[in-house]
Amino acid sequence: MNKRHSGVEPGLVMVEVEAASSSEERLGRDVDLIVGGRIDSAAPKLHLRLRKPGQDGLYFLSAHPQRQPVPELAMPEHLDFDAAIVGGGPAGLAAAINLARALRSVLVFDRPQPGRSDYPQVNHNYLGFPDGIPARELCERGTAQAERYGAQFSDSEVVAIRRVADGFALEGSGGERCRVRGVILATGVRDHWTRFPGFETFVGRSLHWCIVCDGYEMRGKRVVVAGNDDEAATMAVQMHRFTRDVTLVTNDGALGLTPEGFDRLARRELPVVIGRITSGRAQSGAPGMLESLRLEDGRELPVEHLFSHQGAAPQTALARSLRVELSNGGYITVDTEQRTSEPFVYAAGDCTRLLAHQIGTAAHEGATAAQTLNYDLFEADELQGDTGARVA
């Protein structure tokens, strides 16, 4: 597995073992298989390799390859949780922390495919970090914080979700199944990057998407904004507050701005270049830092930073499968408490709004969604007469 050590990976099974050990790996351990809280008398003792311990007494085990494989009965048909969170960025992690601290059992699905918080950019406008903090580090800290309170993580992608009588049934790409009472969708967006060979190495270093996040660092820099509509023109005009050296490149063979948008640039003497970007050259000795861009007609533009303003697509496939209402722009519609149009389905983060794609906004929405779900579960239990106390 990668950074998540509380999920299930192919070849591993989560079971409960007697005499729980804190060692991270031990060979030659014989354990009784416990299914449904009882020792399964029909299951032989298994010679297993102990892997990273999970939550009190729960371990991820794999059969010794030269001995006995884990029998089929060792694979649970489903794991039950109060909540599933789809997405492990700032919104999903904030939700996980708040739910876990409310003594709710929670499983976070965070597929390894990179999202915005997986790039190396440093966030400078999140409260409490005067020197900035890499988005990756912030998420690593958030993961550890959520796990401290009992949240569990899976690296799998949720490939199917459906409503069932007592909540929702989810299926992961690794074959995991679980049934949960509520779902928080923190699925983010997919950016439409300015693409050229090797563009990924520049993302988060000198290829950006957010003027709110990175505009301040552009003071006195040579900046290109790539986009071909009036919103891209607006970004170029805003960028002019930070640096006088701003150029709009259409990244297209024709001009797509309206006359009004073009006039806004002309009045500020901001140049517009019509042409497609075909390659980017890095500075010598500075991987990931742009020195120039080449256009399809052979022109080369000197540049230090490139802002891609070519849109993003909200990741709403799961929301649509649940018949959740979407906005005209395709984003998940939520109320002020992060409830969607479907009961016990909540959404948080970039997938809920066209603007304000900020870590601070995502964390706020994730925390709000968690608190709302927790209260809605409390109300449902009250209606059913369940007044039993929950203890850690």
Protein backbone atom coordinates (compact mmCIF):
# COMPACT_ATOMS: atom_id res chain seq x y z
CA MET A 1 0.00 0.00 0.00
CA ASN A 2 1.05 3.59 -0.30
CA LYS A 3 0.56 6.28 2.29
CA ARG A 4 -2.71 4.78 3.59
CA HIS A 5 -2.03 1.96 6.03
CA SER A 6 -5.57 1.37 7.26
CA GLY A 7 -7.22 0.20 4.05
CA VAL A 8 -7.52 -3.19 2.43
CA GLU A 9 -5.20 -4.17 -0.39
CA PRO A 10 -5.33 -7.19 -2.71
CA GLY A 11 -4.16 -10.30 -0.85
CA LEU A 12 -4.88 -8.82 2.57
CA VAL A 13 -7.88 -9.39 4.79
CA MET A 14 -8.97 -7.51 7.88
CA VAL A 15 -9.73 -9.85 10.79
CA GLU A 16 -9.65 -9.67 14.56
CA VAL A 17 -6.87 -11.49 16.36
CA GLU A 18 -6.33 -12.66 19.92
CA ALA A 19 -3.42 -11.28 21.93
CA ALA A 20 -3.08 -8.21 19.77
CA SER A 21 0.53 -7.21 19.23
CA SER A 22 1.88 -3.74 18.53
CA SER A 23 4.71 -4.98 16.31
CA GLU A 24 4.34 -3.86 12.74
CA GLU A 25 5.43 -7.09 11.09
CA ARG A 26 5.89 -10.55 12.53
CA LEU A 27 6.22 -13.86 10.68
CA GLY A 28 4.99 -17.22 11.85
CA ARG A 29 1.99 -16.09 13.92
CA ASP A 30 -0.88 -18.56 14.39
CA VAL A 31 -4.24 -16.90 15.01
CA ASP A 32 -7.86 -17.90 15.39
CA LEU A 33 -10.14 -16.41 12.78
CA ILE A 34 -12.90 -14.38 14.38
CA VAL A 35 -16.02 -13.86 12.28
CA GLY A 36 -18.96 -11.83 13.50
CA GLY A 37 -17.38 -11.43 16.93
CA ARG A 38 -16.96 -15.17 17.57
CA ILE A 39 -14.15 -17.60 16.92
CA ASP A 40 -15.11 -19.66 13.88
CA SER A 41 -14.65 -23.26 15.00
CA ALA A 42 -14.77 -24.47 11.40
CA ALA A 43 -11.82 -22.34 10.38
CA PRO A 44 -8.36 -23.79 10.99
CA LYS A 45 -5.72 -21.69 12.61
CA LEU A 46 -3.89 -19.72 9.96
CA HIS A 47 -0.19 -19.10 9.70
CA LEU A 48 -0.22 -15.39 8.93
CA ARG A 49 2.07 -12.44 8.39
CA LEU A 50 1.10 -9.51 10.59
CA ARG A 51 0.95 -6.17 8.85
CA LYS A 52 0.39 -2.64 10.14
CA PRO A 53 -1.97 -2.80 13.13
CA GLY A 54 -5.20 -0.92 12.71
CA GLN A 55 -7.81 0.15 15.18
CA ASP A 56 -7.68 -1.72 18.58
CA GLY A 57 -7.50 -5.40 17.74
CA LEU A 58 -8.12 -5.05 14.00
CA TYR A 59 -5.23 -6.18 11.84
CA PHE A 60 -4.48 -6.55 8.18
CA LEU A 61 -3.18 -10.03 7.55
CA SER A 62 -2.01 -12.07 4.58
CA ALA A 63 -1.49 -15.79 4.35
CA HIS A 64 2.08 -17.05 4.25
CA PRO A 65 2.68 -17.63 0.51
CA GLN A 66 4.33 -21.02 1.13
CA ARG A 67 1.70 -22.30 3.51
CA GLN A 68 -2.02 -21.94 3.70
CA PRO A 69 -3.99 -19.28 1.78
CA VAL A 70 -6.63 -17.27 3.53
CA PRO A 71 -9.88 -19.19 2.95
CA GLU A 72 -12.83 -17.54 1.26
CA LEU A 73 -14.75 -17.36 4.52
CA ALA A 74 -12.09 -15.00 5.87
CA MET A 75 -13.18 -12.29 3.43
CA PRO A 76 -16.03 -10.31 5.02
CA GLU A 77 -18.94 -9.66 2.71
CA HIS A 78 -19.18 -6.13 4.00
CA LEU A 79 -17.94 -3.86 6.72
CA ASP A 80 -20.43 -1.60 8.45
CA PHE A 81 -19.76 2.04 9.25
CA ASP A 82 -21.81 5.02 10.27
CA ALA A 83 -20.40 6.99 7.35
CA ALA A 84 -18.37 6.67 4.20
CA ILE A 85 -16.42 9.65 2.90
CA VAL A 86 -15.49 9.58 -0.77
CA GLY A 87 -12.36 11.68 -1.21
CA GLY A 88 -9.32 12.20 1.00
CA GLY A 89 -8.48 15.84 0.31
CA PRO A 90 -8.99 18.68 2.82
CA ALA A 91 -12.79 18.42 2.70
CA GLY A 92 -12.85 14.66 3.24
CA LEU A 93 -10.21 14.75 5.96
CA ALA A 94 -11.96 17.52 7.88
CA ALA A 95 -15.15 15.48 7.70
CA ALA A 96 -13.35 12.34 8.90
CA ILE A 97 -11.81 14.11 11.90
CA ASN A 98 -15.12 15.58 13.01
CA LEU A 99 -17.08 12.36 12.58
CA ALA A 100 -14.47 10.27 14.36
CA ARG A 101 -14.40 12.71 17.26
CA ALA A 102 -18.19 12.34 17.45
CA LEU A 103 -17.58 8.60 18.00
CA ARG A 104 -18.92 7.74 14.57
CA SER A 105 -17.30 4.89 12.69
CA VAL A 106 -16.05 6.23 9.37
CA LEU A 107 -14.32 4.86 6.29
CA VAL A 108 -12.55 7.25 3.90
CA PHE A 109 -12.07 6.16 0.30
CA ASP A 110 -9.10 7.98 -1.20
CA ARG A 111 -8.05 6.60 -4.55
CA PRO A 112 -4.37 6.96 -5.47
CA GLN A 113 -5.15 8.97 -8.61
CA PRO A 114 -3.79 12.46 -7.94
CA GLY A 115 -6.06 15.27 -6.93
CA ARG A 116 -5.27 18.94 -6.40
CA SER A 117 -3.82 18.32 -2.95
CA ASP A 118 -1.40 15.70 -4.25
CA TYR A 119 0.72 18.22 -6.19
CA PRO A 120 3.77 19.90 -4.59
CA GLN A 121 2.32 23.41 -4.28
CA VAL A 122 2.79 25.26 -1.01
CA ASN A 123 -0.33 26.82 0.48
CA HIS A 124 0.30 30.25 1.97
CA ASN A 125 -3.20 31.41 2.87
CA TYR A 126 -4.35 28.72 5.30
CA LEU A 127 -4.70 30.00 8.84
CA GLY A 128 -1.89 29.14 11.25
CA PHE A 129 1.03 28.55 8.85
CA PRO A 130 2.84 31.87 8.42
CA ASP A 131 5.57 30.24 6.33
CA GLY A 132 3.10 28.23 4.28
CA ILE A 133 2.58 24.48 4.22
CA PRO A 134 2.73 22.03 1.31
CA ALA A 135 -0.73 20.73 0.49
CA ARG A 136 0.61 17.18 0.64
CA GLU A 137 1.92 17.70 4.17
CA LEU A 138 -1.35 19.24 5.28
CA CYS A 139 -3.20 16.14 4.06
CA GLU A 140 -0.66 13.81 5.68
CA ARG A 141 -1.21 15.62 8.97
CA GLY A 142 -4.96 15.46 8.47
CA THR A 143 -4.82 11.73 7.80
CA ALA A 144 -2.82 11.08 10.96
CA GLN A 145 -5.22 13.24 12.95
CA ALA A 146 -8.26 11.38 11.63
CA GLU A 147 -6.65 8.00 12.28
CA ARG A 148 -5.82 9.05 15.84
CA TYR A 149 -9.56 9.21 16.53
CA GLY A 150 -10.37 5.94 14.77
CA ALA A 151 -11.12 6.84 11.15
CA GLN A 152 -10.15 4.15 8.67
CA PHE A 153 -8.85 4.61 5.13
CA SER A 154 -8.96 2.66 1.89
CA ASP A 155 -6.92 3.36 -1.24
CA SER A 156 -9.70 2.00 -3.43
CA GLU A 157 -11.95 3.99 -5.69
CA VAL A 158 -15.68 3.70 -5.08
CA VAL A 159 -16.99 2.13 -8.27
CA ALA A 160 -20.61 1.67 -7.24
CA ILE A 161 -22.98 3.08 -4.67
CA ARG A 162 -26.66 2.46 -4.19
CA ARG A 163 -29.31 3.18 -1.60
CA VAL A 164 -30.49 0.18 0.43
CA ALA A 165 -33.06 -0.21 3.17
CA ASP A 166 -30.76 0.75 6.03
CA GLY A 167 -28.49 3.22 4.26
CA PHE A 168 -26.09 2.76 1.37
CA ALA A 169 -24.06 -0.07 -0.11
CA LEU A 170 -20.67 0.81 -1.57
CA GLU A 171 -18.24 -1.25 -3.61
CA GLY A 172 -14.55 -0.43 -3.96
CA SER A 173 -12.30 -1.09 -6.91
CA GLY A 174 -10.38 -3.63 -4.81
CA GLY A 175 -13.52 -5.68 -4.22
CA GLU A 176 -14.32 -4.16 -0.81
CA ARG A 177 -17.96 -3.84 0.13
CA CYS A 178 -19.44 -1.88 2.96
CA ARG A 179 -22.80 -0.69 4.15
CA VAL A 180 -23.05 2.74 5.73
CA ARG A 181 -25.75 4.96 7.15
CA GLY A 182 -24.61 8.17 5.47
CA VAL A 183 -22.31 9.33 2.69
CA ILE A 184 -20.22 12.48 2.30
CA LEU A 185 -19.08 13.17 -1.26
CA ALA A 186 -15.80 15.10 -1.35
CA THR A 187 -14.85 14.06 -4.86
CA GLY A 188 -13.33 17.33 -6.05
CA VAL A 189 -12.80 18.33 -9.67
CA ARG A 190 -10.68 17.24 -12.62
CA ASP A 191 -8.66 20.16 -14.00
CA HIS A 192 -8.39 20.75 -17.74
CA TRP A 193 -4.68 21.50 -17.78
CA THR A 194 -2.71 23.34 -20.41
CA ARG A 195 -1.15 20.17 -21.78
CA PHE A 196 2.20 19.66 -23.43
CA PRO A 197 4.80 16.90 -23.08
CA GLY A 198 5.93 16.72 -19.46
CA PHE A 199 3.51 19.38 -18.18
CA GLU A 200 2.96 17.33 -15.01
CA THR A 201 6.45 18.11 -13.72
CA PHE A 202 5.58 21.81 -13.63
CA VAL A 203 2.20 21.52 -11.83
CA GLY A 204 2.32 23.11 -8.40
CA ARG A 205 5.75 24.61 -9.02
CA SER A 206 5.43 26.95 -12.00
CA LEU A 207 2.13 25.75 -13.51
CA HIS A 208 -0.82 26.94 -11.45
CA TRP A 209 -4.60 27.16 -11.55
CA CYS A 210 -5.52 29.54 -8.71
CA ILE A 211 -4.72 33.25 -8.54
CA VAL A 212 -6.06 33.44 -4.97
CA CYS A 213 -3.58 30.76 -3.88
CA ASP A 214 -0.53 31.89 -5.84
CA GLY A 215 -1.07 35.46 -7.04
CA TYR A 216 0.98 36.99 -4.22
CA GLU A 217 4.05 34.97 -5.22
CA MET A 218 3.83 36.38 -8.76
CA ARG A 219 4.99 39.86 -7.74
CA GLY A 220 7.43 41.07 -10.38
CA LYS A 221 7.40 37.72 -12.23
CA ARG A 222 6.88 37.03 -15.94
CA VAL A 223 3.46 35.35 -16.15
CA VAL A 224 1.42 33.76 -18.94
CA VAL A 225 -2.29 33.10 -18.54
CA ALA A 226 -3.53 30.34 -20.86
CA GLY A 227 -7.20 30.54 -21.77
CA ASN A 228 -9.52 31.70 -24.50
CA ASP A 229 -12.58 33.23 -22.90
CA ASP A 230 -13.56 36.30 -20.92
CA GLU A 231 -12.86 34.55 -17.61
CA ALA A 232 -9.25 34.02 -18.69
CA ALA A 233 -9.11 37.71 -19.62
CA THR A 234 -10.41 38.56 -16.14
CA MET A 235 -7.64 36.49 -14.57
CA ALA A 236 -5.05 38.32 -16.67
CA VAL A 237 -6.46 41.66 -15.54
CA GLN A 238 -6.40 40.54 -11.90
CA MET A 239 -2.85 39.28 -12.32
CA HIS A 240 -1.86 42.75 -13.47
CA ARG A 241 -2.18 43.86 -9.83
CA PHE A 242 0.73 41.57 -8.90
CA THR A 243 2.99 41.98 -11.94
CA ARG A 244 3.13 44.24 -14.99
CA ASP A 245 4.50 41.42 -17.16
CA VAL A 246 1.36 39.46 -18.04
CA THR A 247 0.50 37.88 -21.38
CA LEU A 248 -2.68 36.05 -22.36
CA VAL A 249 -2.10 33.06 -24.67
CA THR A 250 -5.28 31.60 -26.18
CA ASN A 251 -3.86 28.05 -26.49
CA ASP A 252 -6.14 27.86 -29.49
CA GLY A 253 -5.90 28.73 -33.15
CA ALA A 254 -8.54 31.46 -33.02
CA LEU A 255 -9.56 34.23 -30.62
CA GLY A 256 -12.48 33.25 -28.39
CA LEU A 257 -12.80 36.42 -26.31
CA THR A 258 -15.77 38.71 -26.73
CA PRO A 259 -15.05 42.28 -27.89
CA GLU A 260 -15.66 43.43 -24.32
CA GLY A 261 -13.17 40.94 -22.92
CA PHE A 262 -10.54 41.88 -25.48
CA ASP A 263 -11.09 45.57 -24.77
CA ARG A 264 -10.42 45.04 -21.04
CA LEU A 265 -6.98 43.72 -21.93
CA ALA A 266 -6.30 46.39 -24.56
CA ARG A 267 -7.08 49.23 -22.17
CA ARG A 268 -4.35 47.91 -19.87
CA GLU A 269 -1.98 47.20 -22.76
CA LEU A 270 -1.90 43.51 -21.88
CA PRO A 271 -0.73 41.51 -24.91
CA VAL A 272 -2.81 38.68 -26.39
CA VAL A 273 -1.08 35.89 -28.28
CA ILE A 274 -3.15 33.60 -30.51
CA GLY A 275 -1.58 30.16 -30.75
CA ARG A 276 -1.34 26.70 -29.22
CA ILE A 277 1.27 25.83 -26.63
CA THR A 278 3.19 22.74 -27.74
CA SER A 279 6.06 22.50 -25.26
CA GLY A 280 7.62 24.01 -22.17
CA ARG A 281 11.31 24.31 -21.33
CA ALA A 282 12.56 24.18 -17.75
CA GLN A 283 15.19 26.46 -16.26
CA SER A 284 18.65 24.93 -16.12
CA GLY A 285 19.18 23.25 -12.79
CA ALA A 286 15.62 23.98 -11.63
CA PRO A 287 13.30 21.09 -12.52
CA GLY A 288 9.66 22.08 -12.57
CA MET A 289 10.40 25.78 -13.09
CA LEU A 290 9.49 27.15 -16.51
CA GLU A 291 11.83 29.23 -18.62
CA SER A 292 9.89 29.41 -21.89
CA LEU A 293 6.88 28.14 -23.82
CA ARG A 294 6.94 27.16 -27.50
CA LEU A 295 3.92 27.68 -29.73
CA GLU A 296 2.94 25.53 -32.70
CA ASP A 297 4.14 28.19 -35.15
CA GLY A 298 7.62 28.05 -33.62
CA ARG A 299 7.44 31.21 -31.53
CA GLU A 300 9.02 30.96 -28.10
CA LEU A 301 7.69 33.00 -25.19
CA PRO A 302 9.87 33.65 -22.12
CA VAL A 303 7.91 32.85 -18.95
CA GLU A 304 8.46 32.11 -15.27
CA HIS A 305 4.94 31.03 -14.32
CA LEU A 306 1.97 29.71 -16.30
CA PHE A 307 -1.61 29.92 -15.07
CA SER A 308 -3.93 27.42 -16.71
CA HIS A 309 -7.43 28.84 -16.99
CA GLN A 310 -9.14 26.23 -19.10
CA GLY A 311 -11.78 25.03 -16.69
CA ALA A 312 -12.37 22.00 -14.51
CA ALA A 313 -14.97 19.25 -14.43
CA PRO A 314 -16.64 18.39 -11.10
CA GLN A 315 -16.41 14.69 -10.29
CA THR A 316 -20.08 13.86 -9.84
CA ALA A 317 -20.57 10.36 -11.26
CA LEU A 318 -21.44 8.94 -7.84
CA ALA A 319 -23.73 11.86 -7.07
CA ARG A 320 -25.58 11.32 -10.34
CA SER A 321 -25.93 7.60 -9.61
CA LEU A 322 -27.71 8.59 -6.39
CA ARG A 323 -29.93 11.08 -8.29
CA VAL A 324 -28.47 14.01 -6.37
CA GLU A 325 -29.46 17.40 -7.77
CA LEU A 326 -26.75 19.25 -9.68
CA SER A 327 -26.40 22.92 -10.61
CA ASN A 328 -26.51 24.13 -14.20
CA GLY A 329 -22.72 24.01 -14.18
CA GLY A 330 -22.71 20.37 -13.06
CA TYR A 331 -21.70 20.96 -9.44
CA ILE A 332 -23.46 19.24 -6.52
CA THR A 333 -26.16 21.42 -5.05
CA VAL A 334 -26.05 21.72 -1.26
CA ASP A 335 -27.76 23.79 1.39
CA THR A 336 -25.99 25.82 4.06
CA GLU A 337 -25.44 22.64 6.11
CA GLN A 338 -23.98 20.67 3.16
CA ARG A 339 -27.08 18.50 2.70
CA THR A 340 -27.81 17.47 -0.86
CA SER A 341 -31.24 16.82 -2.33
CA GLU A 342 -31.05 13.18 -1.16
CA PRO A 343 -31.45 12.25 2.51
CA PHE A 344 -28.22 11.28 4.26
CA VAL A 345 -26.10 12.29 1.28
CA TYR A 346 -23.84 15.30 1.87
CA ALA A 347 -21.19 17.00 -0.23
CA ALA A 348 -18.21 19.23 0.52
CA GLY A 349 -15.27 20.86 -1.20
CA ASP A 350 -14.61 21.80 -4.80
CA CYS A 351 -17.34 19.50 -6.16
CA THR A 352 -20.01 21.83 -4.69
CA ARG A 353 -19.09 25.17 -6.25
CA LEU A 354 -17.61 26.82 -9.30
CA LEU A 355 -15.69 29.43 -7.29
CA ALA A 356 -13.84 29.62 -3.95
CA HIS A 357 -11.81 26.47 -4.56
CA GLN A 358 -9.75 26.99 -1.43
CA ILE A 359 -8.34 24.61 1.18
CA GLY A 360 -9.93 26.75 3.89
CA THR A 361 -13.32 26.57 2.17
CA ALA A 362 -13.03 22.82 1.65
CA ALA A 363 -12.09 22.18 5.27
CA HIS A 364 -15.00 24.30 6.49
CA GLU A 365 -17.48 22.48 4.27
CA GLY A 366 -16.11 19.08 5.27
CA ALA A 367 -16.44 19.89 8.96
CA THR A 368 -19.96 21.23 8.40
CA ALA A 369 -21.02 18.14 6.45
CA ALA A 370 -19.71 15.90 9.23
CA GLN A 371 -21.48 17.80 11.96
CA THR A 372 -24.72 17.77 9.97
CA LEU A 373 -24.50 14.04 9.29
CA ASN A 374 -23.75 13.35 12.94
CA TYR A 375 -26.80 15.33 14.03
CA ASP A 376 -29.04 13.73 11.42
CA LEU A 377 -27.99 10.28 12.65
CA PHE A 378 -28.70 11.39 16.21
CA GLU A 379 -32.18 12.55 15.22
CA ALA A 380 -32.86 9.31 13.35
CA ASP A 381 -31.82 7.29 16.40
CA GLU A 382 -34.03 9.40 18.64
CA LEU A 383 -37.03 8.71 16.41
CA GLN A 384 -36.31 4.99 16.61
CA GLY A 385 -35.91 5.11 20.36
CA ASP A 386 -32.21 4.29 20.37
CA THR A 387 -30.89 6.12 23.42
CA GLY A 388 -27.90 3.90 24.08
CA ALA A 389 -24.71 5.75 24.99
CA ARG A 390 -21.72 5.44 22.70
CA VAL A 391 -18.38 4.90 24.38
CA ALA A 392 -14.96 4.91 22.81
